[in-house]
Amino acid sequence: MSNESRIAVQNEGDILILEIQETRISEGLVIEALSSELEVILQDSKCKKVLLDLHQVELMSSGMLSVLVRLYRELSERSGRFALCGVRPPVQKVFEITRLDQLFRLEPDVTHGISRLNK
């Protein structure tokens, strides 16, 4: 496992934008690394609004979904808001099959995600 960052971090006002820089999130080591990195980023951040940009992700296994649900819960516990953007059709299908598209705010791109979190 590499020490290289798998997540690009950017702030846009009071919104923390996290861009996943993996195309395939299906292996346990990748999921573990992303989970750990997300945990550290959230602990270090005071932002209550998080936008997760998935536009590079072509494949996501169900193992990553539990990481996203945990992230959602952690933000909810601190009265935060969470949205996903740039979800490609194959990944969108995973959210629909698991009905997590009803839990998460899914936006087409970063601009719409920022707008949604600012409402």
N, C-alpha and C. Protein backbone atom coordinates (compact mmCIF):
# COMPACT_ATOMS: atom_id res chain seq x y z
N MET A 1 0.85 -1.18 0.00
CA MET A 1 0.00 0.00 0.00
C MET A 1 0.89 1.23 0.00
N SER A 2 0.58 2.16 -0.85
CA SER A 2 1.38 3.37 -1.03
C SER A 2 0.97 4.45 -0.04
N ASN A 3 1.93 5.33 0.28
CA ASN A 3 1.62 6.46 1.15
C ASN A 3 1.07 7.63 0.36
N GLU A 4 0.94 7.45 -0.92
CA GLU A 4 0.45 8.48 -1.81
C GLU A 4 -1.03 8.77 -1.50
N SER A 5 -1.38 10.05 -1.53
CA SER A 5 -2.75 10.45 -1.25
C SER A 5 -3.68 9.98 -2.37
N ARG A 6 -4.81 9.47 -1.98
CA ARG A 6 -5.82 9.02 -2.93
C ARG A 6 -6.98 10.00 -3.00
N ILE A 7 -6.88 11.08 -2.23
CA ILE A 7 -7.96 12.07 -2.15
C ILE A 7 -7.37 13.47 -2.26
N ALA A 8 -7.89 14.24 -3.21
CA ALA A 8 -7.49 15.65 -3.32
C ALA A 8 -8.44 16.46 -2.45
N VAL A 9 -7.88 17.35 -1.66
CA VAL A 9 -8.67 18.14 -0.71
C VAL A 9 -8.65 19.61 -1.12
N GLN A 10 -9.83 20.21 -1.11
CA GLN A 10 -9.96 21.62 -1.49
C GLN A 10 -11.07 22.23 -0.63
N ASN A 11 -10.89 23.48 -0.27
CA ASN A 11 -11.94 24.20 0.45
C ASN A 11 -12.57 25.23 -0.46
N GLU A 12 -13.88 25.30 -0.39
CA GLU A 12 -14.64 26.30 -1.14
C GLU A 12 -15.57 26.95 -0.12
N GLY A 13 -15.11 28.07 0.45
CA GLY A 13 -15.86 28.69 1.54
C GLY A 13 -15.88 27.75 2.73
N ASP A 14 -17.08 27.42 3.20
CA ASP A 14 -17.20 26.52 4.35
C ASP A 14 -17.44 25.07 3.94
N ILE A 15 -17.18 24.77 2.67
CA ILE A 15 -17.38 23.42 2.15
C ILE A 15 -16.04 22.75 1.89
N LEU A 16 -15.90 21.55 2.37
CA LEU A 16 -14.72 20.74 2.12
C LEU A 16 -15.02 19.84 0.92
N ILE A 17 -14.25 20.00 -0.15
CA ILE A 17 -14.44 19.20 -1.35
C ILE A 17 -13.35 18.13 -1.38
N LEU A 18 -13.78 16.89 -1.42
CA LEU A 18 -12.87 15.75 -1.44
C LEU A 18 -13.03 15.02 -2.76
N GLU A 19 -11.98 15.03 -3.57
CA GLU A 19 -12.04 14.36 -4.87
C GLU A 19 -11.30 13.03 -4.78
N ILE A 20 -12.05 11.95 -4.96
CA ILE A 20 -11.46 10.62 -4.95
C ILE A 20 -10.66 10.44 -6.24
N GLN A 21 -9.39 10.10 -6.10
CA GLN A 21 -8.52 9.98 -7.26
C GLN A 21 -8.21 8.53 -7.60
N GLU A 22 -9.21 7.72 -7.50
CA GLU A 22 -9.12 6.30 -7.86
C GLU A 22 -10.18 6.05 -8.93
N THR A 23 -9.87 5.20 -9.89
CA THR A 23 -10.88 4.85 -10.89
C THR A 23 -11.64 3.58 -10.51
N ARG A 24 -10.97 2.71 -9.76
CA ARG A 24 -11.59 1.44 -9.36
C ARG A 24 -11.47 1.27 -7.84
N ILE A 25 -12.61 1.25 -7.19
CA ILE A 25 -12.63 1.05 -5.74
C ILE A 25 -13.31 -0.28 -5.48
N SER A 26 -12.52 -1.34 -5.61
CA SER A 26 -13.10 -2.66 -5.45
C SER A 26 -12.26 -3.57 -4.56
N GLU A 27 -11.00 -3.26 -4.38
CA GLU A 27 -10.13 -4.10 -3.57
C GLU A 27 -10.11 -3.63 -2.13
N GLY A 28 -9.96 -4.58 -1.23
CA GLY A 28 -9.95 -4.27 0.20
C GLY A 28 -8.90 -3.26 0.60
N LEU A 29 -7.69 -3.36 0.03
CA LEU A 29 -6.62 -2.43 0.39
C LEU A 29 -6.94 -1.00 -0.04
N VAL A 30 -7.55 -0.86 -1.20
CA VAL A 30 -7.92 0.48 -1.68
C VAL A 30 -9.00 1.06 -0.79
N ILE A 31 -9.99 0.25 -0.45
CA ILE A 31 -11.08 0.71 0.42
C ILE A 31 -10.54 1.09 1.79
N GLU A 32 -9.66 0.26 2.34
CA GLU A 32 -9.04 0.56 3.64
C GLU A 32 -8.28 1.87 3.61
N ALA A 33 -7.49 2.06 2.56
CA ALA A 33 -6.69 3.28 2.44
C ALA A 33 -7.58 4.51 2.33
N LEU A 34 -8.63 4.42 1.51
CA LEU A 34 -9.56 5.54 1.37
C LEU A 34 -10.27 5.82 2.69
N SER A 35 -10.71 4.77 3.36
CA SER A 35 -11.39 4.92 4.64
C SER A 35 -10.50 5.63 5.66
N SER A 36 -9.26 5.19 5.77
CA SER A 36 -8.31 5.80 6.71
C SER A 36 -8.05 7.26 6.36
N GLU A 37 -7.86 7.52 5.07
CA GLU A 37 -7.57 8.89 4.65
C GLU A 37 -8.77 9.81 4.90
N LEU A 38 -9.98 9.33 4.61
CA LEU A 38 -11.18 10.12 4.87
C LEU A 38 -11.33 10.41 6.36
N GLU A 39 -11.05 9.42 7.18
CA GLU A 39 -11.15 9.58 8.63
C GLU A 39 -10.21 10.67 9.13
N VAL A 40 -8.96 10.64 8.67
CA VAL A 40 -7.97 11.64 9.07
C VAL A 40 -8.38 13.03 8.60
N ILE A 41 -8.84 13.13 7.35
CA ILE A 41 -9.25 14.42 6.81
C ILE A 41 -10.40 15.00 7.63
N LEU A 42 -11.39 14.16 7.96
CA LEU A 42 -12.54 14.65 8.73
C LEU A 42 -12.15 15.05 10.15
N GLN A 43 -11.25 14.30 10.76
CA GLN A 43 -10.81 14.64 12.11
C GLN A 43 -10.07 15.97 12.12
N ASP A 44 -9.30 16.23 11.08
CA ASP A 44 -8.51 17.46 11.00
C ASP A 44 -9.33 18.67 10.57
N SER A 45 -10.47 18.42 9.95
CA SER A 45 -11.27 19.51 9.39
C SER A 45 -12.35 19.97 10.36
N LYS A 46 -12.62 21.24 10.33
CA LYS A 46 -13.71 21.80 11.14
C LYS A 46 -14.96 22.00 10.27
N CYS A 47 -14.85 21.69 8.98
CA CYS A 47 -15.97 21.88 8.05
C CYS A 47 -17.13 20.96 8.40
N LYS A 48 -18.32 21.51 8.32
CA LYS A 48 -19.52 20.72 8.56
C LYS A 48 -20.20 20.33 7.26
N LYS A 49 -19.70 20.87 6.15
CA LYS A 49 -20.26 20.53 4.84
C LYS A 49 -19.17 19.85 4.02
N VAL A 50 -19.49 18.65 3.55
CA VAL A 50 -18.51 17.88 2.78
C VAL A 50 -19.14 17.44 1.46
N LEU A 51 -18.41 17.70 0.39
CA LEU A 51 -18.81 17.28 -0.95
C LEU A 51 -17.78 16.27 -1.44
N LEU A 52 -18.23 15.07 -1.72
CA LEU A 52 -17.34 14.01 -2.19
C LEU A 52 -17.50 13.89 -3.71
N ASP A 53 -16.43 14.21 -4.43
CA ASP A 53 -16.43 14.20 -5.89
C ASP A 53 -15.97 12.84 -6.39
N LEU A 54 -16.85 12.14 -7.06
CA LEU A 54 -16.57 10.78 -7.54
C LEU A 54 -16.42 10.71 -9.06
N HIS A 55 -16.16 11.83 -9.72
CA HIS A 55 -16.17 11.83 -11.18
C HIS A 55 -15.11 10.92 -11.81
N GLN A 56 -14.05 10.61 -11.08
CA GLN A 56 -13.02 9.72 -11.62
C GLN A 56 -13.33 8.24 -11.39
N VAL A 57 -14.27 7.97 -10.52
CA VAL A 57 -14.56 6.58 -10.12
C VAL A 57 -15.43 5.89 -11.17
N GLU A 58 -14.87 4.85 -11.77
CA GLU A 58 -15.59 4.08 -12.79
C GLU A 58 -16.25 2.84 -12.20
N LEU A 59 -15.67 2.33 -11.11
CA LEU A 59 -16.17 1.11 -10.49
C LEU A 59 -16.06 1.24 -8.98
N MET A 60 -17.14 0.91 -8.29
CA MET A 60 -17.13 0.95 -6.82
C MET A 60 -17.85 -0.28 -6.30
N SER A 61 -17.17 -1.05 -5.49
CA SER A 61 -17.81 -2.22 -4.90
C SER A 61 -18.63 -1.80 -3.69
N SER A 62 -19.47 -2.71 -3.24
CA SER A 62 -20.33 -2.41 -2.11
C SER A 62 -19.54 -2.17 -0.83
N GLY A 63 -18.30 -2.66 -0.77
CA GLY A 63 -17.47 -2.44 0.42
C GLY A 63 -17.24 -0.97 0.71
N MET A 64 -17.19 -0.16 -0.32
CA MET A 64 -16.96 1.27 -0.13
C MET A 64 -18.22 1.97 0.37
N LEU A 65 -19.37 1.37 0.13
CA LEU A 65 -20.63 1.99 0.55
C LEU A 65 -20.70 2.14 2.07
N SER A 66 -20.20 1.15 2.80
CA SER A 66 -20.24 1.25 4.26
C SER A 66 -19.35 2.40 4.74
N VAL A 67 -18.26 2.65 4.03
CA VAL A 67 -17.39 3.78 4.36
C VAL A 67 -18.15 5.09 4.17
N LEU A 68 -18.90 5.19 3.07
CA LEU A 68 -19.67 6.41 2.79
C LEU A 68 -20.80 6.60 3.81
N VAL A 69 -21.45 5.52 4.19
CA VAL A 69 -22.51 5.61 5.20
C VAL A 69 -21.93 6.09 6.53
N ARG A 70 -20.76 5.56 6.90
CA ARG A 70 -20.11 5.99 8.14
C ARG A 70 -19.75 7.47 8.08
N LEU A 71 -19.24 7.92 6.95
CA LEU A 71 -18.91 9.32 6.75
C LEU A 71 -20.16 10.19 6.90
N TYR A 72 -21.25 9.76 6.30
CA TYR A 72 -22.53 10.46 6.39
C TYR A 72 -22.97 10.57 7.86
N ARG A 73 -22.88 9.47 8.60
CA ARG A 73 -23.30 9.46 10.01
C ARG A 73 -22.43 10.38 10.86
N GLU A 74 -21.12 10.33 10.63
CA GLU A 74 -20.21 11.19 11.39
C GLU A 74 -20.54 12.67 11.17
N LEU A 75 -20.81 13.02 9.94
CA LEU A 75 -21.17 14.41 9.65
C LEU A 75 -22.52 14.77 10.25
N SER A 76 -23.46 13.85 10.20
CA SER A 76 -24.78 14.10 10.79
C SER A 76 -24.68 14.33 12.29
N GLU A 77 -23.79 13.57 12.95
CA GLU A 77 -23.61 13.72 14.39
C GLU A 77 -23.07 15.09 14.77
N ARG A 78 -22.33 15.72 13.87
CA ARG A 78 -21.84 17.07 14.17
C ARG A 78 -22.67 18.14 13.43
N SER A 79 -23.92 17.78 13.15
CA SER A 79 -24.87 18.66 12.46
C SER A 79 -24.34 19.13 11.12
N GLY A 80 -23.65 18.23 10.45
CA GLY A 80 -23.08 18.55 9.14
C GLY A 80 -23.96 18.09 8.00
N ARG A 81 -23.49 18.41 6.80
CA ARG A 81 -24.20 18.02 5.59
C ARG A 81 -23.21 17.35 4.65
N PHE A 82 -23.72 16.39 3.86
CA PHE A 82 -22.87 15.57 3.00
C PHE A 82 -23.55 15.38 1.66
N ALA A 83 -22.80 15.52 0.59
CA ALA A 83 -23.33 15.26 -0.74
C ALA A 83 -22.25 14.61 -1.59
N LEU A 84 -22.71 13.90 -2.61
CA LEU A 84 -21.82 13.27 -3.58
C LEU A 84 -22.05 13.93 -4.93
N CYS A 85 -21.00 14.02 -5.73
CA CYS A 85 -21.19 14.57 -7.07
C CYS A 85 -20.34 13.81 -8.07
N GLY A 86 -20.67 14.00 -9.35
CA GLY A 86 -19.91 13.37 -10.42
C GLY A 86 -20.04 11.86 -10.46
N VAL A 87 -21.15 11.34 -9.99
CA VAL A 87 -21.34 9.89 -9.93
C VAL A 87 -21.63 9.36 -11.34
N ARG A 88 -20.76 8.49 -11.81
CA ARG A 88 -20.91 7.90 -13.15
C ARG A 88 -22.03 6.85 -13.15
N PRO A 89 -22.63 6.58 -14.33
CA PRO A 89 -23.75 5.64 -14.40
C PRO A 89 -23.52 4.27 -13.75
N PRO A 90 -22.37 3.59 -13.95
CA PRO A 90 -22.22 2.29 -13.29
C PRO A 90 -22.22 2.39 -11.76
N VAL A 91 -21.65 3.47 -11.24
CA VAL A 91 -21.61 3.69 -9.79
C VAL A 91 -23.00 4.11 -9.31
N GLN A 92 -23.67 4.93 -10.10
CA GLN A 92 -25.04 5.37 -9.78
C GLN A 92 -25.94 4.14 -9.61
N LYS A 93 -25.73 3.16 -10.47
CA LYS A 93 -26.54 1.93 -10.41
C LYS A 93 -26.35 1.22 -9.06
N VAL A 94 -25.13 1.21 -8.54
CA VAL A 94 -24.87 0.60 -7.23
C VAL A 94 -25.67 1.33 -6.16
N PHE A 95 -25.69 2.67 -6.23
CA PHE A 95 -26.46 3.45 -5.25
C PHE A 95 -27.95 3.17 -5.38
N GLU A 96 -28.44 3.03 -6.61
CA GLU A 96 -29.86 2.77 -6.82
C GLU A 96 -30.25 1.38 -6.32
N ILE A 97 -29.44 0.37 -6.65
CA ILE A 97 -29.74 -1.01 -6.23
C ILE A 97 -29.79 -1.11 -4.71
N THR A 98 -28.89 -0.42 -4.04
CA THR A 98 -28.85 -0.47 -2.57
C THR A 98 -29.77 0.56 -1.92
N ARG A 99 -30.42 1.35 -2.74
CA ARG A 99 -31.31 2.43 -2.31
C ARG A 99 -30.59 3.54 -1.54
N LEU A 100 -29.29 3.57 -1.64
CA LEU A 100 -28.54 4.64 -0.98
C LEU A 100 -28.67 5.96 -1.72
N ASP A 101 -29.21 5.91 -2.94
CA ASP A 101 -29.49 7.16 -3.65
C ASP A 101 -30.57 7.96 -2.93
N GLN A 102 -31.32 7.29 -2.04
CA GLN A 102 -32.34 7.99 -1.25
C GLN A 102 -31.75 8.60 0.02
N LEU A 103 -30.59 8.11 0.44
CA LEU A 103 -29.92 8.64 1.63
C LEU A 103 -29.00 9.81 1.27
N PHE A 104 -28.21 9.61 0.23
CA PHE A 104 -27.23 10.62 -0.17
C PHE A 104 -27.80 11.61 -1.16
N ARG A 105 -27.34 12.84 -1.05
CA ARG A 105 -27.64 13.84 -2.07
C ARG A 105 -26.67 13.60 -3.22
N LEU A 106 -27.18 13.29 -4.39
CA LEU A 106 -26.34 13.03 -5.56
C LEU A 106 -26.49 14.19 -6.54
N GLU A 107 -25.40 14.86 -6.82
CA GLU A 107 -25.41 16.01 -7.71
C GLU A 107 -24.53 15.72 -8.93
N PRO A 108 -24.85 16.33 -10.08
CA PRO A 108 -24.10 16.01 -11.30
C PRO A 108 -22.64 16.44 -11.30
N ASP A 109 -22.34 17.55 -10.61
CA ASP A 109 -20.96 18.05 -10.62
C ASP A 109 -20.69 18.90 -9.38
N VAL A 110 -19.45 19.36 -9.27
CA VAL A 110 -19.03 20.13 -8.09
C VAL A 110 -19.87 21.40 -7.93
N THR A 111 -20.11 22.10 -9.01
CA THR A 111 -20.88 23.35 -8.95
C THR A 111 -22.26 23.11 -8.35
N HIS A 112 -22.96 22.08 -8.83
CA HIS A 112 -24.28 21.76 -8.30
C HIS A 112 -24.20 21.27 -6.85
N GLY A 113 -23.15 20.53 -6.54
CA GLY A 113 -22.96 20.04 -5.17
C GLY A 113 -22.77 21.18 -4.19
N ILE A 114 -21.96 22.16 -4.57
CA ILE A 114 -21.73 23.34 -3.72
C ILE A 114 -23.04 24.09 -3.52
N SER A 115 -23.77 24.27 -4.61
CA SER A 115 -25.05 24.97 -4.54
C SER A 115 -26.01 24.24 -3.60
N ARG A 116 -26.06 22.93 -3.70
CA ARG A 116 -26.96 22.12 -2.87
C ARG A 116 -26.59 22.23 -1.38
N LEU A 117 -25.30 22.17 -1.09
CA LEU A 117 -24.87 22.24 0.31
C LEU A 117 -25.04 23.63 0.91
N ASN A 118 -25.11 24.64 0.07
CA ASN A 118 -25.30 26.01 0.55
C ASN A 118 -26.76 26.37 0.75
N LYS A 119 -27.69 25.49 0.37
CA LYS A 119 -29.13 25.79 0.53
C LYS A 119 -29.54 25.64 1.97
